Amino acid sequence: MKKKNKVIKFGDDIEGYALPVLNEREIRASAGIMFLVLFLSLMLILFKQDFLLVKYVIVVFLTDFIIRVFISPRLSPVLIIGRLIVSRQVPEYVGAPQKKFAWKIGLALSGLMFFLLVLLNSYSIITGVTCLACLVFLFFESAFGICLGCLVYGLFYKEKARHCAGEVCGTRQKQTIQRIAPAHVLIVVGFVVYVMLAVVLFNDHFRIAPRNLKTIINSR
């Protein structure tokens, strides 16, 4: 009987789980890393028209997604870095199938960017929208633990996604600490009004460029 290759495998078999799973904590950490470098590269484009960093970022993203999808998440360099960062935290297991589907979307987006921005050395509304989509996907994963690709998994596969982050796949009753009362809604609405008033009242003053603190002190 042949032994299963434990390296070339998508997800880990954990006791108590009927399907292969991945560690959501390292996935969120890696998404945060990817979001940061992509955001920085886009800032360079917006303010300096410098496309050098984003080209390297796209190459790294595409290579990493190829390794995740076609070889194994265990060998993904970015996931390994995320694993090191959260190594002291207790793992949070999520179903591997829906993550693979979400990463296929990431592979398609990074592949499109590689073709347009790296191979053709071009930019257009397509590259802008694709970069924005990548940022949104990565931000929701890293900041909120919401896998947008996983949410549409059920539209393409018959089986329902299982073991989602935060157990959002299943129906469950919210705990007391999660409930939102009318007073909470009023607080948010009041805060928005407060910000809008600040913009109206102080916008002209805030537009004045800051001066060097040393200059301000010496002028007094």
Protein backbone atom coordinates (compact mmCIF):
# COMPACT_ATOMS: atom_id res chain seq x y z
CA MET A 1 0.00 0.00 0.00
CA LYS A 2 1.43 3.38 -1.05
CA LYS A 3 1.85 6.06 1.57
CA LYS A 4 0.12 9.36 0.87
CA ASN A 5 2.41 12.26 0.10
CA LYS A 6 1.91 14.57 3.05
CA VAL A 7 3.80 17.45 1.44
CA ILE A 8 1.96 17.67 -1.90
CA LYS A 9 -1.47 17.96 -0.31
CA PHE A 10 -4.06 20.68 0.02
CA GLY A 11 -4.93 21.07 3.70
CA ASP A 12 -4.23 18.97 6.77
CA ASP A 13 -6.23 16.09 8.21
CA ILE A 14 -7.14 17.04 11.78
CA GLU A 15 -9.01 14.75 14.16
CA GLY A 16 -12.63 15.83 14.52
CA TYR A 17 -12.84 17.37 11.04
CA ALA A 18 -14.36 15.39 8.17
CA LEU A 19 -12.40 17.25 5.48
CA PRO A 20 -8.92 18.77 5.14
CA VAL A 21 -8.53 22.09 6.94
CA LEU A 22 -6.19 25.09 7.03
CA ASN A 23 -5.17 27.48 9.78
CA GLU A 24 -7.21 30.68 9.40
CA ARG A 25 -4.82 32.64 11.64
CA GLU A 26 -1.84 32.19 9.31
CA ILE A 27 -4.06 32.89 6.30
CA ARG A 28 -5.15 36.21 7.81
CA ALA A 29 -1.54 37.08 8.67
CA SER A 30 -0.39 36.36 5.12
CA ALA A 31 -3.31 38.37 3.70
CA GLY A 32 -2.26 41.30 5.90
CA ILE A 33 1.30 41.10 4.57
CA MET A 34 0.07 40.98 0.97
CA PHE A 35 -2.33 43.87 1.55
CA LEU A 36 0.43 46.04 3.02
CA VAL A 37 2.92 45.55 0.18
CA LEU A 38 0.23 45.97 -2.50
CA PHE A 39 -1.06 49.13 -0.81
CA LEU A 40 2.45 50.60 -0.62
CA SER A 41 3.10 49.80 -4.27
CA LEU A 42 -0.17 51.49 -5.29
CA MET A 43 0.75 54.59 -3.26
CA LEU A 44 4.00 54.80 -5.23
CA ILE A 45 1.98 54.68 -8.44
CA LEU A 46 -0.49 57.35 -7.32
CA PHE A 47 2.02 59.83 -5.93
CA LYS A 48 5.23 59.11 -7.87
CA GLN A 49 4.03 57.27 -11.00
CA ASP A 50 6.51 54.54 -10.05
CA PHE A 51 5.39 51.08 -11.24
CA LEU A 52 8.57 49.20 -10.29
CA LEU A 53 7.48 47.85 -6.91
CA VAL A 54 4.03 46.75 -8.07
CA LYS A 55 5.60 44.65 -10.85
CA TYR A 56 7.72 42.77 -8.32
CA VAL A 57 4.68 42.40 -6.04
CA ILE A 58 2.61 40.91 -8.87
CA VAL A 59 5.35 38.39 -9.70
CA VAL A 60 5.52 37.37 -6.02
CA PHE A 61 1.73 37.11 -5.70
CA LEU A 62 1.38 35.01 -8.85
CA THR A 63 4.19 32.65 -7.82
CA ASP A 64 2.77 32.26 -4.32
CA PHE A 65 -0.76 31.51 -5.57
CA ILE A 66 0.59 28.94 -8.05
CA ILE A 67 2.36 27.17 -5.18
CA ARG A 68 -0.76 27.32 -2.97
CA VAL A 69 -3.18 26.01 -5.58
CA PHE A 70 -1.11 23.53 -7.58
CA ILE A 71 1.43 22.24 -5.04
CA SER A 72 0.52 22.80 -1.38
CA PRO A 73 -0.28 25.68 1.00
CA ARG A 74 2.36 24.19 3.32
CA LEU A 75 5.02 25.31 0.83
CA SER A 76 3.68 28.83 0.17
CA PRO A 77 6.42 31.32 1.18
CA VAL A 78 3.94 34.03 2.27
CA LEU A 79 1.88 31.54 4.29
CA ILE A 80 5.08 30.28 5.93
CA ILE A 81 5.89 33.86 7.01
CA GLY A 82 2.33 34.20 8.35
CA ARG A 83 2.75 30.87 10.16
CA LEU A 84 5.90 32.15 11.87
CA ILE A 85 4.17 35.36 12.97
CA VAL A 86 1.18 33.57 14.58
CA SER A 87 3.04 30.45 15.70
CA ARG A 88 2.21 31.11 19.37
CA GLN A 89 -1.52 31.44 18.74
CA VAL A 90 -3.96 28.52 18.92
CA PRO A 91 -4.92 27.48 15.35
CA GLU A 92 -8.40 28.25 14.03
CA TYR A 93 -9.31 25.56 11.53
CA VAL A 94 -11.27 26.34 8.37
CA GLY A 95 -12.31 24.11 5.47
CA ALA A 96 -9.65 23.79 2.77
CA PRO A 97 -11.98 23.39 -0.28
CA GLN A 98 -13.48 26.89 -0.10
CA LYS A 99 -10.03 28.42 0.51
CA LYS A 100 -8.70 26.69 -2.59
CA PHE A 101 -11.57 28.18 -4.59
CA ALA A 102 -10.84 31.66 -3.17
CA TRP A 103 -7.15 31.32 -4.00
CA LYS A 104 -8.04 30.32 -7.57
CA ILE A 105 -9.73 33.71 -7.82
CA GLY A 106 -6.52 35.29 -6.46
CA LEU A 107 -4.52 33.30 -9.02
CA ALA A 108 -6.75 34.55 -11.85
CA LEU A 109 -6.49 38.19 -10.71
CA SER A 110 -2.71 38.08 -10.26
CA GLY A 111 -2.35 36.23 -13.58
CA LEU A 112 -4.33 38.95 -15.35
CA MET A 113 -2.20 41.64 -13.70
CA PHE A 114 0.99 39.80 -14.66
CA PHE A 115 -0.09 39.66 -18.30
CA LEU A 116 -1.21 43.30 -18.54
CA LEU A 117 1.25 45.12 -16.29
CA VAL A 118 4.38 42.95 -16.46
CA LEU A 119 4.33 41.27 -19.87
CA LEU A 120 2.55 44.00 -21.88
CA ASN A 121 3.92 46.75 -19.61
CA SER A 122 0.57 48.55 -19.85
CA TYR A 123 -1.90 50.22 -17.55
CA SER A 124 -5.63 50.82 -18.02
CA ILE A 125 -8.95 50.85 -16.21
CA ILE A 126 -8.71 47.03 -16.17
CA THR A 127 -5.46 47.02 -14.19
CA GLY A 128 -6.86 49.67 -11.83
CA VAL A 129 -10.07 47.74 -11.13
CA THR A 130 -8.16 44.45 -10.74
CA CYS A 131 -5.75 46.00 -8.22
CA LEU A 132 -8.67 47.49 -6.31
CA ALA A 133 -10.42 44.09 -6.25
CA CYS A 134 -7.25 42.47 -4.86
CA LEU A 135 -7.01 45.13 -2.15
CA VAL A 136 -10.65 44.61 -1.16
CA PHE A 137 -10.25 40.81 -0.99
CA LEU A 138 -7.07 41.07 1.09
CA PHE A 139 -8.44 43.78 3.39
CA PHE A 140 -11.62 41.86 4.22
CA GLU A 141 -9.60 38.70 4.93
CA SER A 142 -6.95 40.38 7.09
CA ALA A 143 -9.09 42.97 8.91
CA PHE A 144 -12.42 41.16 9.36
CA GLY A 145 -11.60 37.50 8.77
CA ILE A 146 -14.15 37.47 5.94
CA CYS A 147 -13.17 35.41 2.90
CA LEU A 148 -15.15 37.01 0.05
CA GLY A 149 -14.22 34.21 -2.35
CA CYS A 150 -15.49 31.62 0.14
CA LEU A 151 -18.89 33.34 0.27
CA VAL A 152 -19.59 32.48 -3.37
CA TYR A 153 -18.13 28.96 -3.15
CA GLY A 154 -21.62 27.41 -2.95
CA LEU A 155 -22.62 28.99 -6.28
CA PHE A 156 -20.03 26.92 -8.14
CA TYR A 157 -20.02 23.69 -6.10
CA LYS A 158 -22.89 21.49 -5.00
CA GLU A 159 -21.58 20.90 -1.50
CA LYS A 160 -21.94 23.67 1.05
CA ALA A 161 -18.81 25.22 2.53
CA ARG A 162 -17.99 23.82 5.96
CA HIS A 163 -15.83 24.99 8.86
CA CYS A 164 -15.78 28.66 7.82
CA ALA A 165 -13.96 31.30 9.86
CA GLY A 166 -16.14 32.35 12.77
CA GLU A 167 -18.52 29.48 11.89
CA VAL A 168 -20.43 31.78 9.53
CA CYS A 169 -21.33 28.80 7.31
CA GLY A 170 -23.76 27.42 9.87
CA THR A 171 -26.85 28.99 11.41
CA ARG A 172 -26.28 30.00 15.01
CA GLN A 173 -27.73 32.39 17.52
CA LYS A 174 -25.76 35.53 18.28
CA GLN A 175 -24.31 35.80 21.76
CA THR A 176 -25.15 38.74 24.01
CA ILE A 177 -21.82 40.46 23.35
CA GLN A 178 -22.53 40.42 19.58
CA ARG A 179 -25.99 41.96 19.65
CA ILE A 180 -26.53 45.47 18.30
CA ALA A 181 -29.14 47.57 20.11
CA PRO A 182 -30.92 50.66 18.69
CA ALA A 183 -28.68 52.80 20.92
CA HIS A 184 -25.61 51.42 19.13
CA VAL A 185 -27.06 52.43 15.76
CA LEU A 186 -27.73 55.94 17.09
CA ILE A 187 -24.12 56.17 18.31
CA VAL A 188 -22.80 55.30 14.84
CA VAL A 189 -25.20 57.76 13.16
CA GLY A 190 -24.20 60.46 15.65
CA PHE A 191 -20.53 59.79 14.99
CA VAL A 192 -21.03 60.15 11.23
CA VAL A 193 -22.84 63.46 11.78
CA TYR A 194 -19.99 64.57 14.06
CA VAL A 195 -17.40 63.82 11.34
CA MET A 196 -19.48 65.64 8.70
CA LEU A 197 -19.78 68.72 10.94
CA ALA A 198 -16.02 68.67 11.52
CA VAL A 199 -15.45 68.67 7.76
CA VAL A 200 -17.84 71.60 7.26
CA LEU A 201 -16.49 73.70 10.16
CA PHE A 202 -12.76 73.00 10.00
CA ASN A 203 -12.05 72.06 6.38
CA ASP A 204 -10.48 75.43 5.47
CA HIS A 205 -8.29 75.41 8.58
CA PHE A 206 -7.17 71.81 8.08
CA ARG A 207 -6.16 72.58 4.48
CA ILE A 208 -3.36 74.87 5.72
CA ALA A 209 -0.04 73.02 5.35
CA PRO A 210 1.73 72.23 8.66
CA ARG A 211 4.81 74.25 9.58
CA ASN A 212 7.99 73.03 11.15
CA LEU A 213 7.60 73.00 14.96
CA LYS A 214 11.00 74.63 15.40
CA THR A 215 9.89 77.51 13.14
CA ILE A 216 6.70 78.00 15.17
CA ILE A 217 8.64 78.10 18.46
CA ASN A 218 11.25 80.55 17.13
CA SER A 219 8.56 82.88 15.76
CA ARG A 220 7.14 83.42 19.25
